[in-house]
C-alpha atoms as a PDB file:
ATOM      1  CA  MET A   1       4.013  14.843   9.635  1.00  0.00           C
ATOM      2  CA  PRO A   2       1.869  11.793   8.794  1.00  0.00           C
ATOM      3  CA  ILE A   3       3.588   8.714   7.388  1.00  0.00           C
ATOM      4  CA  ILE A   4       1.296   6.148   5.795  1.00  0.00           C
ATOM      5  CA  ARG A   5       2.724   2.668   5.246  1.00  0.00           C
ATOM      6  CA  ILE A   6       1.064   0.199   2.881  1.00  0.00           C
ATOM      7  CA  GLU A   7       2.113  -3.409   2.502  1.00  0.00           C
ATOM      8  CA  THR A   8       0.904  -5.237  -0.567  1.00  0.00           C
ATOM      9  CA  TRP A   9       1.925  -8.074  -2.840  1.00  0.00           C
ATOM     10  CA  LYS A  10       4.373  -7.360  -5.599  1.00  0.00           C
ATOM     11  CA  GLY A  11       2.907  -6.571  -8.963  1.00  0.00           C
ATOM     12  CA  THR A  12       0.842  -3.458  -8.389  1.00  0.00           C
ATOM     13  CA  THR A  13       1.004  -1.247 -11.476  1.00  0.00           C
ATOM     14  CA  LEU A  14       2.603   2.144 -11.426  1.00  0.00           C
ATOM     15  CA  ASP A  15      -0.738   3.764 -12.298  1.00  0.00           C
ATOM     16  CA  LYS A  16      -2.418   2.069  -9.301  1.00  0.00           C
ATOM     17  CA  LYS A  17       0.405   3.111  -6.992  1.00  0.00           C
ATOM     18  CA  ARG A  18       0.140   6.709  -8.249  1.00  0.00           C
ATOM     19  CA  ASP A  19      -3.613   6.691  -7.652  1.00  0.00           C
ATOM     20  CA  LEU A  20      -3.170   5.164  -4.197  1.00  0.00           C
ATOM     21  CA  VAL A  21      -0.582   7.727  -3.145  1.00  0.00           C
ATOM     22  CA  GLU A  22      -2.676  10.631  -4.388  1.00  0.00           C
ATOM     23  CA  SER A  23      -5.865   9.313  -2.701  1.00  0.00           C
ATOM     24  CA  LEU A  24      -4.206   8.597   0.645  1.00  0.00           C
ATOM     25  CA  THR A  25      -2.478  11.992   0.628  1.00  0.00           C
ATOM     26  CA  ARG A  26      -5.697  13.839  -0.184  1.00  0.00           C
ATOM     27  CA  GLU A  27      -7.663  12.017   2.550  1.00  0.00           C
ATOM     28  CA  ALA A  28      -4.946  12.430   5.144  1.00  0.00           C
ATOM     29  CA  CYS A  29      -4.978  16.207   4.446  1.00  0.00           C
ATOM     30  CA  ARG A  30      -8.767  16.340   4.649  1.00  0.00           C
ATOM     31  CA  ILE A  31      -8.963  14.424   7.918  1.00  0.00           C
ATOM     32  CA  LEU A  32      -5.833  15.789   9.648  1.00  0.00           C
ATOM     33  CA  GLY A  33      -5.975  19.319   8.328  1.00  0.00           C
ATOM     34  CA  CYS A  34      -2.443  19.275   6.971  1.00  0.00           C
ATOM     35  CA  THR A  35      -0.849  20.134   3.616  1.00  0.00           C
ATOM     36  CA  PRO A  36       0.217  17.504   1.059  1.00  0.00           C
ATOM     37  CA  GLU A  37       3.860  18.518   1.482  1.00  0.00           C
ATOM     38  CA  VAL A  38       4.013  16.942   4.948  1.00  0.00           C
ATOM     39  CA  VAL A  39       2.411  13.594   4.016  1.00  0.00           C
ATOM     40  CA  SER A  40       4.653  10.649   3.160  1.00  0.00           C
ATOM     41  CA  VAL A  41       3.338   7.394   1.716  1.00  0.00           C
ATOM     42  CA  ILE A  42       5.554   4.297   1.721  1.00  0.00           C
ATOM     43  CA  ILE A  43       4.572   1.261  -0.341  1.00  0.00           C
ATOM     44  CA  ASP A  44       6.275  -1.973   0.675  1.00  0.00           C
ATOM     45  CA  GLU A  45       5.830  -4.773  -1.853  1.00  0.00           C
ATOM     46  CA  VAL A  46       6.200  -8.328  -0.608  1.00  0.00           C
ATOM     47  CA  ASP A  47       6.464 -11.554  -2.621  1.00  0.00           C
ATOM     48  CA  LYS A  48       3.415 -13.738  -1.990  1.00  0.00           C
ATOM     49  CA  GLU A  49       5.776 -16.541  -0.954  1.00  0.00           C
ATOM     50  CA  ASN A  50       6.880 -14.363   1.974  1.00  0.00           C
ATOM     51  CA  TRP A  51       3.314 -13.546   3.108  1.00  0.00           C
ATOM     52  CA  GLY A  52       1.131 -15.983   5.045  1.00  0.00           C
ATOM     53  CA  ALA A  53      -2.566 -15.861   5.819  1.00  0.00           C
ATOM     54  CA  ALA A  54      -4.884 -18.431   7.444  1.00  0.00           C
ATOM     55  CA  GLY A  55      -1.958 -20.752   8.039  1.00  0.00           C
ATOM     56  CA  GLU A  56      -0.883 -20.868   4.363  1.00  0.00           C
ATOM     57  CA  LEU A  57       1.530 -19.095   2.073  1.00  0.00           C
ATOM     58  CA  CYS A  58      -0.333 -16.628  -0.054  1.00  0.00           C
ATOM     59  CA  SER A  59       1.523 -17.929  -3.102  1.00  0.00           C
ATOM     60  CA  GLU A  60      -0.342 -21.229  -2.564  1.00  0.00           C
ATOM     61  CA  ARG A  61      -3.680 -19.736  -1.471  1.00  0.00           C
ATOM     62  CA  PHE A  62      -3.821 -17.231  -4.337  1.00  0.00           C
ATOM     63  CA  PRO A  63      -1.615 -18.613  -7.153  1.00  0.00           C
ATOM     64  CA  ASP A  64      -3.257 -16.514  -9.891  1.00  0.00           C
ATOM     65  CA  LYS A  65      -3.525 -13.172  -8.122  1.00  0.00           C
END
């Protein structure tokens, strides 16, 4: 049973999440030869102030995104 975990910043729209889950499920089934019923996708949303990259908080590196 594949479990796919995605971490992203908070603020992703419901439509984008729906599209992401559908696409990841479809591709996992194609590559792994499994059925959609056994694929789980977990989306963890993180505040940019709790995510660092290149030695900076993402809330400061990307204030408008």
